[in-house]
């Protein structure tokens, strides 16, 4: 699949091996993939190469082999340091496994090891969440990602909750968990550079930032999504690309066609702007005027939001900033971004429709 895109690629700025569980793959496979990428496009020395790792499949020797293969950043799916919570989540590792993997990872990837933690579990209290977070902060490296539990249909946890065997965590409690975590991380020297991500010593994820900045990326593998800008007839067309979900079917398509792309959807201009708005405001820096004009040269942030009374009200409440730097959420605003986006997207769509009418 990489070779299919080769004629349209110039430079790769990051590589991310994501879930499933890429740490189950052979390090030789990772090495071969990176070698192919470097043959297809320029892969500069030091380019961020991240691998997601499950503590149950990432012992010291294996991590060392991944490092030799070219991985230079690790994201460990610890999720919790409480064995009862891990069991509830259906994880196949223990707290001891997680701590051991984390210690080995920090030796091999100092300053470039991230951990994922999940909050909002059934039966979890604010106090137990804080206790678990502080335990993790005592041993973590320079990057932490926090995710609210999402109940995936088809999982045992989903079934137990929807059958009433486990309680759904109250939304106010979940909000309190998130707010407490933000303050604790800030007091521990971490900077929140995105809604779910915190770093210190400049250890932010280059790859993840590219998503939120609206950069193009290629998704390869069963179920992978991508945003790509192929050039045809001298013109640029931005597309959303989705890979075939079923692994066996995906492999057959790759062998037969050279790629496993199931669907290519050209993105309309308004689609792109909505995506830039939703993703860009997840970052603490928000969207700069320069960045926005790359996607909408004739429609500035001022044009869209500058005269809106609703937007002015959000500014007055200290939730949003629209100034010479661009559009961004305040610390308080980041916590309620979903609510803000309902207003912002509505205003964007209204302005777009009026412009199309020639009003």
Protein backbone atom coordinates (compact mmCIF):
# COMPACT_ATOMS: atom_id res chain seq x y z
CA UNK A 1 0.00 0.00 0.00
CA UNK A 2 2.86 2.35 0.76
CA UNK A 3 4.21 1.91 -2.77
CA UNK A 4 0.81 2.84 -4.24
CA UNK A 5 1.14 6.29 -2.66
CA UNK A 6 4.87 6.63 -3.36
CA UNK A 7 4.59 8.75 -6.49
CA UNK A 8 2.58 11.33 -4.55
CA UNK A 9 4.69 11.46 -1.36
CA UNK A 10 7.74 13.62 -0.74
CA UNK A 11 8.51 13.45 2.97
CA UNK A 12 7.16 11.51 5.93
CA UNK A 13 7.11 13.52 9.17
CA UNK A 14 6.01 10.72 11.50
CA UNK A 15 5.05 7.04 11.58
CA UNK A 16 2.54 5.60 14.03
CA UNK A 17 1.93 1.89 14.60
CA UNK A 18 -1.50 1.86 16.26
CA UNK A 19 -4.01 -0.63 17.61
CA UNK A 20 -5.03 -3.50 17.50
CA UNK A 21 -1.92 -4.49 19.32
CA UNK A 22 1.14 -3.72 17.17
CA UNK A 23 3.48 -4.90 19.95
CA UNK A 24 2.35 -8.43 18.99
CA UNK A 25 3.97 -7.95 15.58
CA UNK A 26 7.46 -9.21 14.94
CA UNK A 27 10.12 -6.48 15.25
CA UNK A 28 11.32 -7.73 11.86
CA UNK A 29 7.94 -6.77 10.40
CA UNK A 30 8.23 -3.27 11.86
CA UNK A 31 11.74 -3.00 10.43
CA UNK A 32 10.53 -4.10 6.98
CA UNK A 33 7.68 -1.59 7.00
CA UNK A 34 9.98 1.29 7.95
CA UNK A 35 12.43 0.21 5.27
CA UNK A 36 9.64 0.28 2.68
CA UNK A 37 8.51 3.71 3.86
CA UNK A 38 12.06 5.05 3.54
CA UNK A 39 12.24 3.70 -0.01
CA UNK A 40 8.96 5.40 -0.96
CA UNK A 41 9.63 8.80 0.58
CA UNK A 42 12.18 10.75 2.57
CA UNK A 43 12.24 9.49 6.17
CA UNK A 44 14.66 11.79 7.95
CA UNK A 45 16.81 10.52 10.80
CA UNK A 46 15.08 11.23 14.09
CA UNK A 47 11.59 11.23 12.58
CA UNK A 48 9.10 10.30 15.30
CA UNK A 49 8.21 6.60 15.05
CA UNK A 50 5.66 5.56 17.68
CA UNK A 51 4.52 2.07 18.57
CA UNK A 52 1.49 1.33 20.75
CA UNK A 53 2.34 -1.41 23.25
CA UNK A 54 0.30 -3.70 25.46
CA UNK A 55 2.09 -4.53 28.74
CA UNK A 56 1.19 -8.19 28.19
CA UNK A 57 3.19 -8.35 24.95
CA UNK A 58 6.09 -5.98 25.58
CA UNK A 59 8.90 -7.48 27.63
CA UNK A 60 12.36 -5.88 27.80
CA UNK A 61 13.88 -7.95 24.99
CA UNK A 62 10.98 -7.27 22.66
CA UNK A 63 11.06 -3.54 23.34
CA UNK A 64 14.79 -3.52 22.65
CA UNK A 65 14.19 -5.24 19.31
CA UNK A 66 11.55 -2.68 18.39
CA UNK A 67 14.05 0.06 19.17
CA UNK A 68 16.62 -1.56 16.90
CA UNK A 69 13.96 -1.76 14.18
CA UNK A 70 13.56 2.03 14.28
CA UNK A 71 10.89 2.74 16.89
CA UNK A 72 11.86 5.77 19.00
CA UNK A 73 8.66 6.51 20.92
CA UNK A 74 6.37 4.18 22.88
CA UNK A 75 2.73 4.58 23.86
CA UNK A 76 1.78 2.06 26.55
CA UNK A 77 -1.85 1.12 27.07
CA UNK A 78 -1.65 0.91 30.84
CA UNK A 79 -5.25 2.18 31.28
CA UNK A 80 -5.23 1.59 35.05
CA UNK A 81 -2.93 0.59 37.88
CA UNK A 82 -5.71 -1.20 39.73
CA UNK A 83 -6.10 -4.93 39.08
CA UNK A 84 -9.85 -4.88 39.71
CA UNK A 85 -10.29 -2.11 37.13
CA UNK A 86 -8.09 -3.91 34.62
CA UNK A 87 -10.22 -7.02 35.02
CA UNK A 88 -13.37 -4.95 34.53
CA UNK A 89 -11.90 -3.53 31.32
CA UNK A 90 -11.09 -7.02 30.08
CA UNK A 91 -7.37 -6.34 29.93
CA UNK A 92 -4.97 -9.26 29.89
CA UNK A 93 -2.23 -7.56 31.89
CA UNK A 94 -1.80 -6.82 35.60
CA UNK A 95 -0.55 -3.80 37.48
CA UNK A 96 2.82 -5.54 37.90
CA UNK A 97 3.01 -6.12 34.13
CA UNK A 98 2.26 -2.45 33.50
CA UNK A 99 4.86 -1.16 35.96
CA UNK A 100 7.52 -3.53 34.64
CA UNK A 101 6.86 -2.55 31.02
CA UNK A 102 6.89 1.13 31.92
CA UNK A 103 10.25 0.89 33.70
CA UNK A 104 11.83 -0.96 30.77
CA UNK A 105 10.36 1.51 28.29
CA UNK A 106 11.74 4.52 30.17
CA UNK A 107 15.22 3.00 30.00
CA UNK A 108 15.00 2.48 26.25
CA UNK A 109 12.93 5.55 25.33
CA UNK A 110 13.70 8.17 28.02
CA UNK A 111 11.47 11.21 27.63
CA UNK A 112 9.58 9.48 24.82
CA UNK A 113 7.33 7.05 26.66
CA UNK A 114 3.63 7.82 26.94
CA UNK A 115 0.95 6.12 29.01
CA UNK A 116 -2.81 5.92 28.46
CA UNK A 117 -5.20 6.08 31.42
CA UNK A 118 -8.98 5.61 31.38
CA UNK A 119 -11.51 7.26 33.67
CA UNK A 120 -15.28 7.03 34.07
CA UNK A 121 -15.38 3.28 34.75
CA UNK A 122 -18.53 1.76 36.27
CA UNK A 123 -18.28 2.05 40.04
CA UNK A 124 -15.22 4.29 39.91
CA UNK A 125 -15.27 7.25 42.31
CA UNK A 126 -13.50 10.58 42.06
CA UNK A 127 -11.33 9.59 45.01
CA UNK A 128 -10.30 6.24 43.51
CA UNK A 129 -9.55 7.91 40.17
CA UNK A 130 -7.35 10.54 41.80
CA UNK A 131 -5.54 7.86 43.79
CA UNK A 132 -4.84 5.87 40.63
CA UNK A 133 -3.72 8.95 38.70
CA UNK A 134 -1.29 10.01 41.43
CA UNK A 135 0.10 6.48 41.52
CA UNK A 136 0.69 6.65 37.77
CA UNK A 137 2.28 10.10 37.96
CA UNK A 138 4.79 8.79 40.49
CA UNK A 139 6.22 6.38 37.91
CA UNK A 140 5.37 7.81 34.47
CA UNK A 141 7.63 9.50 31.94
CA UNK A 142 6.91 12.83 30.20
CA UNK A 143 3.61 12.16 28.39
CA UNK A 144 0.16 11.14 29.65
CA UNK A 145 -3.07 10.63 27.70
CA UNK A 146 -6.42 10.58 29.49
CA UNK A 147 -9.49 9.03 27.90
CA UNK A 148 -13.05 8.77 29.14
CA UNK A 149 -14.35 5.21 28.93
CA UNK A 150 -16.28 4.49 25.74
CA UNK A 151 -18.56 1.47 25.88
CA UNK A 152 -17.92 -0.48 22.70
CA UNK A 153 -20.84 -2.50 21.40
CA UNK A 154 -20.10 -6.23 21.47
CA UNK A 155 -17.79 -6.09 24.49
CA UNK A 156 -18.51 -7.79 27.80
CA UNK A 157 -18.45 -4.44 29.60
CA UNK A 158 -21.02 -2.97 27.21
CA UNK A 159 -23.30 -5.96 27.80
CA UNK A 160 -22.97 -5.80 31.59
CA UNK A 161 -23.77 -2.10 31.72
CA UNK A 162 -26.74 -2.29 29.37
CA UNK A 163 -28.18 -5.29 31.18
CA UNK A 164 -27.98 -3.39 34.45
CA UNK A 165 -25.30 -5.52 36.10
CA UNK A 166 -22.94 -2.53 36.25
CA UNK A 167 -23.83 1.14 36.82
CA UNK A 168 -23.26 3.89 34.27
CA UNK A 169 -21.01 6.53 35.79
CA UNK A 170 -22.84 9.80 36.39
CA UNK A 171 -21.87 12.47 33.85
CA UNK A 172 -21.22 15.05 36.59
CA UNK A 173 -18.84 12.65 38.34
CA UNK A 174 -17.02 12.02 35.05
CA UNK A 175 -16.67 15.78 34.51
CA UNK A 176 -15.28 16.17 38.03
CA UNK A 177 -12.78 13.37 37.38
CA UNK A 178 -11.54 15.15 34.27
CA UNK A 179 -11.26 18.55 35.96
CA UNK A 180 -9.44 17.09 38.97
CA UNK A 181 -7.02 15.29 36.66
CA UNK A 182 -6.26 18.48 34.72
CA UNK A 183 -5.35 20.35 37.88
CA UNK A 184 -3.29 17.48 39.29
CA UNK A 185 -1.34 17.13 36.05
CA UNK A 186 -0.77 20.87 35.85
CA UNK A 187 0.53 20.92 39.41
CA UNK A 188 2.84 18.03 38.50
CA UNK A 189 4.49 20.08 35.75
CA UNK A 190 2.49 18.80 32.80
CA UNK A 191 1.19 21.09 30.07
CA UNK A 192 -2.18 20.28 28.52
CA UNK A 193 -1.56 20.77 24.81
CA UNK A 194 -4.73 18.97 23.70
CA UNK A 195 -7.98 17.90 25.33
CA UNK A 196 -6.72 14.40 26.16
CA UNK A 197 -2.96 14.90 26.10
CA UNK A 198 -0.46 16.27 28.59
CA UNK A 199 3.31 16.58 28.32
CA UNK A 200 6.32 18.05 30.06
CA UNK A 201 9.83 18.82 28.82
CA UNK A 202 8.42 19.31 25.31
CA UNK A 203 7.44 15.64 24.93
CA UNK A 204 4.30 16.24 22.87
CA UNK A 205 3.40 13.81 20.08
CA UNK A 206 4.36 15.18 16.66
CA UNK A 207 2.15 12.61 14.99
CA UNK A 208 -0.98 13.39 16.96
CA UNK A 209 -0.49 17.12 16.45
CA UNK A 210 -0.58 16.52 12.71
CA UNK A 211 -4.14 15.19 13.01
CA UNK A 212 -5.37 18.18 14.98
CA UNK A 213 -3.65 20.64 12.66
CA UNK A 214 -5.47 19.18 9.67
CA UNK A 215 -2.35 17.75 8.03
CA UNK A 216 -2.64 14.90 5.59
CA UNK A 217 -1.93 11.36 6.73
CA UNK A 218 -2.06 7.93 5.16
CA UNK A 219 -3.88 5.13 6.97
CA UNK A 220 -2.70 1.63 6.05
CA UNK A 221 -4.11 -1.58 7.51
CA UNK A 222 -7.53 -3.12 8.19
CA UNK A 223 -10.03 -0.42 9.15
CA UNK A 224 -7.48 2.40 8.94
CA UNK A 225 -8.62 5.92 8.08
CA UNK A 226 -6.61 8.56 6.27
CA UNK A 227 -6.72 12.08 4.91
CA UNK A 228 -4.76 12.36 1.72
CA UNK A 229 -4.22 15.03 -0.92
CA UNK A 230 -3.57 13.34 -4.26
CA UNK A 231 -2.60 15.60 -7.15
CA UNK A 232 -4.36 14.97 -10.42
CA UNK A 233 -4.29 17.08 -13.56
CA UNK A 234 -2.29 19.70 -11.69
CA UNK A 235 -5.06 20.16 -9.12
CA UNK A 236 -5.28 19.23 -5.44
CA UNK A 237 -8.15 17.05 -4.23
CA UNK A 238 -8.45 16.28 -0.52
CA UNK A 239 -9.94 12.87 0.21
CA UNK A 240 -11.02 10.79 3.18
CA UNK A 241 -9.83 7.23 2.66
CA UNK A 242 -11.02 4.17 4.55
CA UNK A 243 -9.32 0.78 4.41
CA UNK A 244 -11.23 -2.51 4.35
CA UNK A 245 -12.11 -3.52 7.91
CA UNK A 246 -11.83 -7.32 7.80
CA UNK A 247 -8.13 -8.37 8.02
CA UNK A 248 -8.44 -11.43 5.77
CA UNK A 249 -10.35 -9.52 3.08
CA UNK A 250 -7.93 -6.59 3.37
CA UNK A 251 -4.95 -8.89 2.72
CA UNK A 252 -6.65 -10.43 -0.32
CA UNK A 253 -7.31 -6.97 -1.74
CA UNK A 254 -3.70 -5.92 -1.17
CA UNK A 255 -2.42 -8.97 -3.01
CA UNK A 256 -4.94 -8.52 -5.82
CA UNK A 257 -4.93 -4.73 -6.20
CA UNK A 258 -1.81 -3.55 -4.41
CA UNK A 259 -3.82 -1.75 -1.72
CA UNK A 260 -6.74 -2.26 0.67
CA UNK A 261 -8.55 1.04 0.20
CA UNK A 262 -12.28 0.35 0.36
CA UNK A 263 -13.62 3.87 0.07
CA UNK A 264 -12.35 7.21 -1.22
CA UNK A 265 -14.54 10.20 -0.45
CA UNK A 266 -13.66 13.63 -1.86
CA UNK A 267 -14.06 16.23 0.89
CA UNK A 268 -16.11 19.31 0.08
CA UNK A 269 -14.70 22.66 1.13
CA UNK A 270 -17.21 22.96 3.97
CA UNK A 271 -16.38 19.41 5.14
CA UNK A 272 -12.71 20.37 5.37
CA UNK A 273 -13.42 23.56 7.30
CA UNK A 274 -15.69 21.75 9.77
CA UNK A 275 -12.95 19.20 10.34
CA UNK A 276 -10.27 21.87 10.80
CA UNK A 277 -12.51 23.65 13.32
CA UNK A 278 -13.38 20.52 15.33
CA UNK A 279 -9.83 19.21 15.45
CA UNK A 280 -7.97 22.49 15.77
CA UNK A 281 -9.90 23.64 18.82
CA UNK A 282 -8.86 20.49 20.67
CA UNK A 283 -5.41 22.06 20.98
CA UNK A 284 -4.58 24.70 23.55
CA UNK A 285 -3.14 26.91 20.80
CA UNK A 286 -6.33 26.57 18.76
CA UNK A 287 -6.36 27.67 15.12
CA UNK A 288 -4.15 30.50 13.93
CA UNK A 289 -5.36 32.87 11.21
CA UNK A 290 -2.54 31.71 8.97
CA UNK A 291 -3.50 28.05 9.41
CA UNK A 292 -7.17 28.71 8.72
CA UNK A 293 -6.44 30.69 5.55
CA UNK A 294 -4.53 27.70 4.17
CA UNK A 295 -7.90 25.95 3.97
CA UNK A 296 -10.15 28.97 3.35
CA UNK A 297 -8.17 31.73 1.58
CA UNK A 298 -11.26 33.88 1.00
CA UNK A 299 -13.09 33.32 4.30
CA UNK A 300 -11.29 34.40 7.45
CA UNK A 301 -12.07 33.53 11.06
CA UNK A 302 -13.08 37.16 11.53
CA UNK A 303 -15.53 36.87 8.60
CA UNK A 304 -17.19 33.85 10.17
CA UNK A 305 -17.17 34.57 13.88
CA UNK A 306 -16.27 38.24 14.30
CA UNK A 307 -19.81 39.67 14.28
CA UNK A 308 -21.67 36.79 15.92
CA UNK A 309 -23.41 37.75 19.17
CA UNK A 310 -23.28 34.12 20.35
CA UNK A 311 -19.51 34.03 19.88
CA UNK A 312 -19.13 37.35 21.70
CA UNK A 313 -21.13 35.88 24.57
CA UNK A 314 -18.78 32.89 24.76
CA UNK A 315 -15.85 35.32 24.88
CA UNK A 316 -17.50 37.33 27.65
CA UNK A 317 -17.94 34.13 29.68
CA UNK A 318 -14.23 33.40 29.32
CA UNK A 319 -14.70 30.25 27.25
CA UNK A 320 -13.30 31.36 23.90
CA UNK A 321 -10.77 33.79 22.44
CA UNK A 322 -10.92 35.36 18.99
CA UNK A 323 -8.02 37.77 18.61
CA UNK A 324 -4.92 38.48 16.53
CA UNK A 325 -3.55 35.03 17.38
CA UNK A 326 -6.61 33.24 15.99
CA UNK A 327 -9.44 31.21 17.54
CA UNK A 328 -8.89 29.10 20.65
CA UNK A 329 -10.55 27.83 23.79
CA UNK A 330 -9.64 29.01 27.25
CA UNK A 331 -8.62 26.53 29.95
CA UNK A 332 -12.26 26.51 31.05
CA UNK A 333 -13.50 26.29 27.47
CA UNK A 334 -11.49 23.17 26.63
CA UNK A 335 -13.49 21.25 29.24
CA UNK A 336 -16.77 22.05 27.45
CA UNK A 337 -15.57 22.01 23.84
CA UNK A 338 -18.40 19.76 22.64
CA UNK A 339 -20.93 22.38 23.71
CA UNK A 340 -18.93 25.19 22.12
CA UNK A 341 -18.65 23.32 18.83
CA UNK A 342 -22.43 23.14 18.49
CA UNK A 343 -22.47 26.93 18.36
CA UNK A 344 -19.30 27.36 16.29
CA UNK A 345 -20.26 24.80 13.64
CA UNK A 346 -23.71 26.33 13.31
CA UNK A 347 -22.14 29.75 12.75
CA UNK A 348 -19.67 28.37 10.20
CA UNK A 349 -22.46 26.63 8.28
CA UNK A 350 -24.65 29.73 8.35
CA UNK A 351 -21.85 31.95 7.03
CA UNK A 352 -21.00 29.42 4.34
CA UNK A 353 -24.61 29.17 3.13
CA UNK A 354 -25.00 32.94 3.07
CA UNK A 355 -21.78 33.28 1.09
CA UNK A 356 -22.95 30.65 -1.40
CA UNK A 357 -26.16 32.64 -1.86
CA UNK A 358 -24.06 35.71 -2.53
CA UNK A 359 -25.45 37.54 0.49
